[in-house]
C-alpha atoms as a PDB file:
ATOM      1  CA  UNK A   1      16.164   1.034  30.510  1.00  0.00           C
ATOM      2  CA  UNK A   2      15.814   4.565  29.177  1.00  0.00           C
ATOM      3  CA  UNK A   3      13.028   5.502  26.799  1.00  0.00           C
ATOM      4  CA  UNK A   4      15.498   6.016  23.939  1.00  0.00           C
ATOM      5  CA  UNK A   5      17.093   2.601  24.428  1.00  0.00           C
ATOM      6  CA  UNK A   6      13.654   0.965  24.685  1.00  0.00           C
ATOM      7  CA  UNK A   7      12.554   2.562  21.404  1.00  0.00           C
ATOM      8  CA  UNK A   8      15.828   1.537  19.728  1.00  0.00           C
ATOM      9  CA  UNK A   9      15.477  -2.071  20.856  1.00  0.00           C
ATOM     10  CA  UNK A  10      11.869  -2.236  19.730  1.00  0.00           C
ATOM     11  CA  UNK A  11      12.760  -0.686  16.360  1.00  0.00           C
ATOM     12  CA  UNK A  12      15.374  -3.391  15.740  1.00  0.00           C
ATOM     13  CA  UNK A  13      12.877  -6.076  16.703  1.00  0.00           C
ATOM     14  CA  UNK A  14      10.217  -4.587  14.417  1.00  0.00           C
ATOM     15  CA  UNK A  15      12.642  -4.490  11.475  1.00  0.00           C
ATOM     16  CA  UNK A  16      13.715  -8.101  12.022  1.00  0.00           C
ATOM     17  CA  UNK A  17      10.087  -9.252  12.098  1.00  0.00           C
ATOM     18  CA  UNK A  18       9.244  -7.257   8.967  1.00  0.00           C
ATOM     19  CA  UNK A  19      12.125  -8.759   7.003  1.00  0.00           C
ATOM     20  CA  UNK A  20      10.902 -12.246   7.925  1.00  0.00           C
ATOM     21  CA  UNK A  21       7.503 -11.590   6.345  1.00  0.00           C
ATOM     22  CA  UNK A  22       8.622 -12.286   2.799  1.00  0.00           C
ATOM     23  CA  UNK A  23       5.130 -12.306   1.324  1.00  0.00           C
ATOM     24  CA  UNK A  24       4.390  -8.887   2.804  1.00  0.00           C
ATOM     25  CA  UNK A  25       7.596  -7.445   1.373  1.00  0.00           C
ATOM     26  CA  UNK A  26       6.790  -8.926  -2.021  1.00  0.00           C
ATOM     27  CA  UNK A  27       3.427  -7.160  -2.064  1.00  0.00           C
ATOM     28  CA  UNK A  28       4.955  -3.920  -0.785  1.00  0.00           C
ATOM     29  CA  UNK A  29       7.403  -3.848  -3.686  1.00  0.00           C
ATOM     30  CA  UNK A  30       5.574  -5.735  -6.430  1.00  0.00           C
ATOM     31  CA  UNK A  31       2.311  -3.760  -6.391  1.00  0.00           C
ATOM     32  CA  UNK A  32       3.816  -0.249  -6.701  1.00  0.00           C
ATOM     33  CA  UNK A  33       6.345  -1.336  -9.339  1.00  0.00           C
ATOM     34  CA  UNK A  34       3.664  -3.264 -11.232  1.00  0.00           C
ATOM     35  CA  UNK A  35       1.356  -0.246 -11.287  1.00  0.00           C
ATOM     36  CA  UNK A  36       4.198   1.989 -12.471  1.00  0.00           C
ATOM     37  CA  UNK A  37       5.195  -0.350 -15.302  1.00  0.00           C
ATOM     38  CA  UNK A  38       1.619  -1.073 -16.398  1.00  0.00           C
ATOM     39  CA  UNK A  39       0.318   2.500 -16.470  1.00  0.00           C
ATOM     40  CA  UNK A  40       3.465   3.762 -18.156  1.00  0.00           C
ATOM     41  CA  UNK A  41       2.779   1.435 -21.089  1.00  0.00           C
ATOM     42  CA  UNK A  42      -0.907   2.192 -21.637  1.00  0.00           C
ATOM     43  CA  UNK A  43      -2.612   5.420 -22.686  1.00  0.00           C
ATOM     44  CA  UNK A  44      -4.761   5.962 -19.600  1.00  0.00           C
ATOM     45  CA  UNK A  45      -2.936   8.872 -18.017  1.00  0.00           C
ATOM     46  CA  UNK A  46      -4.102  11.983 -19.854  1.00  0.00           C
ATOM     47  CA  UNK A  47      -2.467  14.871 -18.035  1.00  0.00           C
ATOM     48  CA  UNK A  48      -0.763  18.174 -18.731  1.00  0.00           C
ATOM     49  CA  UNK A  49       2.627  16.542 -18.172  1.00  0.00           C
ATOM     50  CA  UNK A  50       4.853  16.031 -21.195  1.00  0.00           C
ATOM     51  CA  UNK A  51       5.658  12.522 -20.028  1.00  0.00           C
ATOM     52  CA  UNK A  52       3.179  10.251 -18.205  1.00  0.00           C
ATOM     53  CA  UNK A  53       6.052   9.131 -15.964  1.00  0.00           C
ATOM     54  CA  UNK A  54       6.252  12.671 -14.542  1.00  0.00           C
ATOM     55  CA  UNK A  55       2.750  12.019 -13.208  1.00  0.00           C
ATOM     56  CA  UNK A  56       3.110   8.328 -12.392  1.00  0.00           C
ATOM     57  CA  UNK A  57       6.408   8.095 -10.504  1.00  0.00           C
ATOM     58  CA  UNK A  58       5.439  10.604  -7.766  1.00  0.00           C
ATOM     59  CA  UNK A  59       2.006   8.981  -7.526  1.00  0.00           C
ATOM     60  CA  UNK A  60       3.500   5.516  -7.106  1.00  0.00           C
ATOM     61  CA  UNK A  61       5.897   6.807  -4.446  1.00  0.00           C
ATOM     62  CA  UNK A  62       2.870   8.114  -2.563  1.00  0.00           C
ATOM     63  CA  UNK A  63       1.100   4.794  -3.125  1.00  0.00           C
ATOM     64  CA  UNK A  64       4.050   2.904  -1.621  1.00  0.00           C
ATOM     65  CA  UNK A  65       3.906   5.095   1.479  1.00  0.00           C
ATOM     66  CA  UNK A  66       0.184   4.471   1.898  1.00  0.00           C
ATOM     67  CA  UNK A  67       0.597   0.722   1.385  1.00  0.00           C
ATOM     68  CA  UNK A  68       3.443   0.310   3.853  1.00  0.00           C
ATOM     69  CA  UNK A  69       2.658   2.942   6.479  1.00  0.00           C
ATOM     70  CA  UNK A  70      -1.076   2.294   6.667  1.00  0.00           C
ATOM     71  CA  UNK A  71      -2.049  -1.136   5.338  1.00  0.00           C
ATOM     72  CA  UNK A  72       0.952  -3.305   6.254  1.00  0.00           C
ATOM     73  CA  UNK A  73       1.497  -1.575   9.578  1.00  0.00           C
ATOM     74  CA  UNK A  74      -2.163  -1.686  10.580  1.00  0.00           C
ATOM     75  CA  UNK A  75      -2.619  -5.369   9.763  1.00  0.00           C
ATOM     76  CA  UNK A  76       0.616  -6.521  11.413  1.00  0.00           C
ATOM     77  CA  UNK A  77      -0.055  -4.467  14.549  1.00  0.00           C
ATOM     78  CA  UNK A  78      -3.680  -5.564  14.704  1.00  0.00           C
ATOM     79  CA  UNK A  79      -2.736  -9.222  14.828  1.00  0.00           C
ATOM     80  CA  UNK A  80       0.094  -8.599  17.277  1.00  0.00           C
ATOM     81  CA  UNK A  81      -2.547  -7.041  19.486  1.00  0.00           C
ATOM     82  CA  UNK A  82      -4.902  -9.987  18.930  1.00  0.00           C
ATOM     83  CA  UNK A  83      -2.258 -12.562  19.953  1.00  0.00           C
ATOM     84  CA  UNK A  84      -1.186 -10.688  23.074  1.00  0.00           C
ATOM     85  CA  UNK A  85       2.214  -9.501  21.831  1.00  0.00           C
ATOM     86  CA  UNK A  86       1.396  -5.875  22.565  1.00  0.00           C
ATOM     87  CA  UNK A  87       0.020  -6.729  25.990  1.00  0.00           C
ATOM     88  CA  UNK A  88       3.375  -8.219  26.956  1.00  0.00           C
ATOM     89  CA  UNK A  89       5.163  -5.147  25.591  1.00  0.00           C
ATOM     90  CA  UNK A  90       2.914  -3.030  27.762  1.00  0.00           C
ATOM     91  CA  UNK A  91       4.571  -4.492  30.847  1.00  0.00           C
ATOM     92  CA  UNK A  92       8.021  -3.319  29.695  1.00  0.00           C
ATOM     93  CA  UNK A  93       9.533   0.192  29.965  1.00  0.00           C
ATOM     94  CA  UNK A  94       8.333   0.828  26.404  1.00  0.00           C
ATOM     95  CA  UNK A  95       5.541   3.390  26.508  1.00  0.00           C
ATOM     96  CA  UNK A  96       2.598   3.548  24.139  1.00  0.00           C
ATOM     97  CA  UNK A  97       4.197   6.509  22.392  1.00  0.00           C
ATOM     98  CA  UNK A  98       7.489   4.598  22.228  1.00  0.00           C
ATOM     99  CA  UNK A  99       5.830   1.655  20.518  1.00  0.00           C
ATOM    100  CA  UNK A 100       4.223   3.933  17.951  1.00  0.00           C
ATOM    101  CA  UNK A 101       7.563   5.670  17.350  1.00  0.00           C
ATOM    102  CA  UNK A 102       9.415   2.357  16.877  1.00  0.00           C
ATOM    103  CA  UNK A 103       6.849   1.110  14.386  1.00  0.00           C
ATOM    104  CA  UNK A 104       6.993   4.381  12.437  1.00  0.00           C
ATOM    105  CA  UNK A 105      10.818   4.239  12.211  1.00  0.00           C
ATOM    106  CA  UNK A 106      10.577   0.652  10.972  1.00  0.00           C
ATOM    107  CA  UNK A 107       8.163   1.744   8.260  1.00  0.00           C
ATOM    108  CA  UNK A 108      10.535   4.528   7.202  1.00  0.00           C
ATOM    109  CA  UNK A 109      13.355   1.996   6.770  1.00  0.00           C
ATOM    110  CA  UNK A 110      11.234  -0.197   4.471  1.00  0.00           C
ATOM    111  CA  UNK A 111      10.068   2.842   2.528  1.00  0.00           C
ATOM    112  CA  UNK A 112      13.654   3.909   1.914  1.00  0.00           C
ATOM    113  CA  UNK A 113      14.152   0.643   0.018  1.00  0.00           C
ATOM    114  CA  UNK A 114      10.875   1.146  -1.846  1.00  0.00           C
ATOM    115  CA  UNK A 115      11.956   4.652  -2.822  1.00  0.00           C
ATOM    116  CA  UNK A 116      15.170   3.362  -4.375  1.00  0.00           C
ATOM    117  CA  UNK A 117      13.412   0.552  -6.265  1.00  0.00           C
ATOM    118  CA  UNK A 118      10.647   2.819  -7.623  1.00  0.00           C
ATOM    119  CA  UNK A 119      13.013   5.615  -8.665  1.00  0.00           C
ATOM    120  CA  UNK A 120      15.370   3.164 -10.364  1.00  0.00           C
ATOM    121  CA  UNK A 121      12.412   1.545 -12.164  1.00  0.00           C
ATOM    122  CA  UNK A 122      11.184   4.955 -13.277  1.00  0.00           C
ATOM    123  CA  UNK A 123      14.618   5.890 -14.604  1.00  0.00           C
ATOM    124  CA  UNK A 124      14.808   2.586 -16.467  1.00  0.00           C
ATOM    125  CA  UNK A 125      11.445   3.381 -18.097  1.00  0.00           C
ATOM    126  CA  UNK A 126      12.734   6.771 -19.268  1.00  0.00           C
ATOM    127  CA  UNK A 127      11.789   9.083 -16.424  1.00  0.00           C
ATOM    128  CA  UNK A 128      14.071  12.076 -15.889  1.00  0.00           C
ATOM    129  CA  UNK A 129      14.835  12.998 -12.303  1.00  0.00           C
ATOM    130  CA  UNK A 130      14.968  16.768 -11.902  1.00  0.00           C
ATOM    131  CA  UNK A 131      15.513  18.989  -8.889  1.00  0.00           C
ATOM    132  CA  UNK A 132      13.229  18.687  -5.892  1.00  0.00           C
ATOM    133  CA  UNK A 133      14.187  15.243  -4.637  1.00  0.00           C
ATOM    134  CA  UNK A 134      14.972  16.493  -1.109  1.00  0.00           C
ATOM    135  CA  UNK A 135      11.656  18.300  -0.807  1.00  0.00           C
ATOM    136  CA  UNK A 136       9.851  15.236  -2.160  1.00  0.00           C
ATOM    137  CA  UNK A 137      11.476  13.100   0.546  1.00  0.00           C
ATOM    138  CA  UNK A 138      10.284  15.577   3.187  1.00  0.00           C
ATOM    139  CA  UNK A 139       6.728  15.213   1.919  1.00  0.00           C
ATOM    140  CA  UNK A 140       7.041  11.415   1.844  1.00  0.00           C
ATOM    141  CA  UNK A 141       8.174  11.419   5.475  1.00  0.00           C
ATOM    142  CA  UNK A 142       5.209  13.614   6.431  1.00  0.00           C
ATOM    143  CA  UNK A 143       2.935  11.225   4.545  1.00  0.00           C
ATOM    144  CA  UNK A 144       4.460   8.287   6.376  1.00  0.00           C
ATOM    145  CA  UNK A 145       3.746   9.863   9.744  1.00  0.00           C
ATOM    146  CA  UNK A 146       0.170  10.646   8.698  1.00  0.00           C
ATOM    147  CA  UNK A 147      -0.612   7.192   7.322  1.00  0.00           C
ATOM    148  CA  UNK A 148       1.150   5.433  10.189  1.00  0.00           C
ATOM    149  CA  UNK A 149      -1.082   7.377  12.549  1.00  0.00           C
ATOM    150  CA  UNK A 150      -4.164   6.269  10.629  1.00  0.00           C
ATOM    151  CA  UNK A 151      -3.012   2.639  10.510  1.00  0.00           C
ATOM    152  CA  UNK A 152      -2.159   2.518  14.200  1.00  0.00           C
ATOM    153  CA  UNK A 153      -5.461   4.158  15.119  1.00  0.00           C
ATOM    154  CA  UNK A 154      -7.300   1.331  13.351  1.00  0.00           C
ATOM    155  CA  UNK A 155      -5.018  -1.365  14.772  1.00  0.00           C
ATOM    156  CA  UNK A 156      -5.289   0.006  18.298  1.00  0.00           C
ATOM    157  CA  UNK A 157      -9.068   0.356  18.423  1.00  0.00           C
ATOM    158  CA  UNK A 158     -10.572  -2.303  16.135  1.00  0.00           C
ATOM    159  CA  UNK A 159     -10.528  -6.083  16.197  1.00  0.00           C
ATOM    160  CA  UNK A 160      -7.890  -7.680  13.981  1.00  0.00           C
ATOM    161  CA  UNK A 161     -10.419  -8.802  11.357  1.00  0.00           C
ATOM    162  CA  UNK A 162     -11.959  -5.343  11.188  1.00  0.00           C
ATOM    163  CA  UNK A 163      -8.503  -3.796  10.857  1.00  0.00           C
ATOM    164  CA  UNK A 164      -7.689  -6.151   7.984  1.00  0.00           C
ATOM    165  CA  UNK A 165     -10.891  -5.285   6.135  1.00  0.00           C
ATOM    166  CA  UNK A 166     -10.807  -1.590   6.984  1.00  0.00           C
ATOM    167  CA  UNK A 167      -7.188  -1.025   5.980  1.00  0.00           C
ATOM    168  CA  UNK A 168      -7.583  -2.792   2.645  1.00  0.00           C
ATOM    169  CA  UNK A 169     -10.906  -1.094   1.929  1.00  0.00           C
ATOM    170  CA  UNK A 170      -9.533   2.352   2.723  1.00  0.00           C
ATOM    171  CA  UNK A 171      -6.487   1.623   0.569  1.00  0.00           C
ATOM    172  CA  UNK A 172      -8.673   0.870  -2.449  1.00  0.00           C
ATOM    173  CA  UNK A 173     -10.787   3.987  -1.945  1.00  0.00           C
ATOM    174  CA  UNK A 174      -7.768   6.261  -1.581  1.00  0.00           C
ATOM    175  CA  UNK A 175      -6.063   4.593  -4.544  1.00  0.00           C
ATOM    176  CA  UNK A 176      -8.931   5.637  -6.800  1.00  0.00           C
ATOM    177  CA  UNK A 177      -9.486   9.144  -5.434  1.00  0.00           C
ATOM    178  CA  UNK A 178      -5.962   9.956  -4.243  1.00  0.00           C
ATOM    179  CA  UNK A 179      -4.552  11.233  -7.526  1.00  0.00           C
ATOM    180  CA  UNK A 180      -1.912   8.503  -7.556  1.00  0.00           C
ATOM    181  CA  UNK A 181      -2.599   6.698 -10.824  1.00  0.00           C
ATOM    182  CA  UNK A 182      -5.515   8.803 -12.034  1.00  0.00           C
ATOM    183  CA  UNK A 183      -5.669  12.646 -12.140  1.00  0.00           C
ATOM    184  CA  UNK A 184      -7.846  14.358  -9.561  1.00  0.00           C
ATOM    185  CA  UNK A 185      -9.330  16.734 -12.142  1.00  0.00           C
ATOM    186  CA  UNK A 186     -10.895  13.761 -13.924  1.00  0.00           C
ATOM    187  CA  UNK A 187     -13.111  13.101 -10.900  1.00  0.00           C
ATOM    188  CA  UNK A 188     -16.567  14.678 -10.455  1.00  0.00           C
ATOM    189  CA  UNK A 189     -16.184  18.121  -8.879  1.00  0.00           C
ATOM    190  CA  UNK A 190     -17.734  17.178  -5.529  1.00  0.00           C
ATOM    191  CA  UNK A 191     -15.567  14.069  -5.247  1.00  0.00           C
ATOM    192  CA  UNK A 192     -12.478  16.013  -6.257  1.00  0.00           C
ATOM    193  CA  UNK A 193     -13.028  18.589  -3.522  1.00  0.00           C
ATOM    194  CA  UNK A 194     -13.631  15.838  -0.972  1.00  0.00           C
ATOM    195  CA  UNK A 195     -10.461  14.045  -2.062  1.00  0.00           C
ATOM    196  CA  UNK A 196      -8.425  17.193  -1.499  1.00  0.00           C
ATOM    197  CA  UNK A 197      -8.976  17.081   2.265  1.00  0.00           C
ATOM    198  CA  UNK A 198      -7.678  13.498   2.475  1.00  0.00           C
ATOM    199  CA  UNK A 199      -4.006  12.617   2.998  1.00  0.00           C
ATOM    200  CA  UNK A 200      -3.615  10.528  -0.168  1.00  0.00           C
ATOM    201  CA  UNK A 201      -4.369  13.367  -2.584  1.00  0.00           C
ATOM    202  CA  UNK A 202      -2.365  15.825  -0.493  1.00  0.00           C
ATOM    203  CA  UNK A 203       0.670  13.537  -0.499  1.00  0.00           C
ATOM    204  CA  UNK A 204       0.578  12.697  -4.204  1.00  0.00           C
ATOM    205  CA  UNK A 205       0.056  16.361  -5.190  1.00  0.00           C
ATOM    206  CA  UNK A 206       2.886  17.563  -2.944  1.00  0.00           C
ATOM    207  CA  UNK A 207       5.394  14.959  -4.150  1.00  0.00           C
ATOM    208  CA  UNK A 208       4.382  15.478  -7.772  1.00  0.00           C
ATOM    209  CA  UNK A 209       4.817  19.226  -7.465  1.00  0.00           C
ATOM    210  CA  UNK A 210       8.265  18.768  -5.949  1.00  0.00           C
ATOM    211  CA  UNK A 211       9.493  16.317  -8.599  1.00  0.00           C
ATOM    212  CA  UNK A 212       7.846  17.541 -11.796  1.00  0.00           C
ATOM    213  CA  UNK A 213       9.945  19.742 -14.118  1.00  0.00           C
ATOM    214  CA  UNK A 214       8.956  23.312 -13.336  1.00  0.00           C
ATOM    215  CA  UNK A 215       6.255  21.890 -11.108  1.00  0.00           C
ATOM    216  CA  UNK A 216       4.197  23.967  -8.717  1.00  0.00           C
ATOM    217  CA  UNK A 217       3.377  22.607  -5.274  1.00  0.00           C
ATOM    218  CA  UNK A 218      -0.258  23.375  -4.431  1.00  0.00           C
ATOM    219  CA  UNK A 219      -0.588  25.244  -1.164  1.00  0.00           C
ATOM    220  CA  UNK A 220      -3.646  23.235  -0.160  1.00  0.00           C
ATOM    221  CA  UNK A 221      -1.744  19.945  -0.410  1.00  0.00           C
ATOM    222  CA  UNK A 222       1.012  21.049   1.964  1.00  0.00           C
ATOM    223  CA  UNK A 223      -1.481  22.331   4.540  1.00  0.00           C
ATOM    224  CA  UNK A 224      -3.656  19.218   4.398  1.00  0.00           C
ATOM    225  CA  UNK A 225      -0.635  16.903   4.596  1.00  0.00           C
ATOM    226  CA  UNK A 226       0.776  18.777   7.595  1.00  0.00           C
ATOM    227  CA  UNK A 227      -2.567  18.651   9.421  1.00  0.00           C
ATOM    228  CA  UNK A 228      -2.839  14.883   8.925  1.00  0.00           C
ATOM    229  CA  UNK A 229       0.814  14.362   9.904  1.00  0.00           C
ATOM    230  CA  UNK A 230       0.173  16.145  13.198  1.00  0.00           C
ATOM    231  CA  UNK A 231      -3.366  15.014  13.910  1.00  0.00           C
ATOM    232  CA  UNK A 232      -3.317  11.308  13.025  1.00  0.00           C
ATOM    233  CA  UNK A 233      -0.408  10.334  15.335  1.00  0.00           C
ATOM    234  CA  UNK A 234      -1.899  12.377  18.171  1.00  0.00           C
ATOM    235  CA  UNK A 235      -5.187  10.516  17.815  1.00  0.00           C
ATOM    236  CA  UNK A 236      -3.357   7.171  17.661  1.00  0.00           C
ATOM    237  CA  UNK A 237      -1.347   7.906  20.806  1.00  0.00           C
ATOM    238  CA  UNK A 238      -4.522   8.757  22.701  1.00  0.00           C
ATOM    239  CA  UNK A 239      -6.840   5.950  21.605  1.00  0.00           C
ATOM    240  CA  UNK A 240      -4.395   3.054  21.069  1.00  0.00           C
ATOM    241  CA  UNK A 241      -5.138   0.132  23.388  1.00  0.00           C
ATOM    242  CA  UNK A 242      -2.640  -2.650  24.070  1.00  0.00           C
ATOM    243  CA  UNK A 243      -5.222  -5.439  23.884  1.00  0.00           C
ATOM    244  CA  UNK A 244      -8.628  -6.122  22.353  1.00  0.00           C
END
């Protein structure tokens, strides 16, 4: 079997398994939509944007990417590794890089559904979709690659329990300092500067700049996002181990 066919077969298997995990899908969709609806109805987002939804919708799109590409992927892969599923895959023509590619494509498929649900919810709440949607999608794909690399690095090097705790803990930290539901400039200066070198803030700032009316995409966010999108998968492909 060729590498391309092996990746295609594994991608279909990954998607079928993901769709069977109903509770995981519920969390993947319910949490981002819940955050969007809640924060759009309360006066906690004090930004320069004329409409809080101009800040919130891009941030929630970034949040969905982080949740699916890092947390869900890391936990599922970590337990597949624990139960020997990945060890058996290691004896097939599927390479380590092929496995990582198949899992990333599966994540992109789920995120496409999340994107539609979040955008439709935002429009229903009164958000106005302006130009920049294509560029925003490009940034979301880069963010997916970056966070998938981070998630797979954890899943491929840590025990399943440590992956579970680490992925959820990192998610909470990045949620608070990633500029997704709370503006970066409201953080202490030192913490704000630290946040700017992390992928969460880079992703949310890039997507927000692309989607906001007359928005400006910060140069730093594009550079940081690109570095993570290149570096994280490379690290994952080098350190990922098929079994604990």
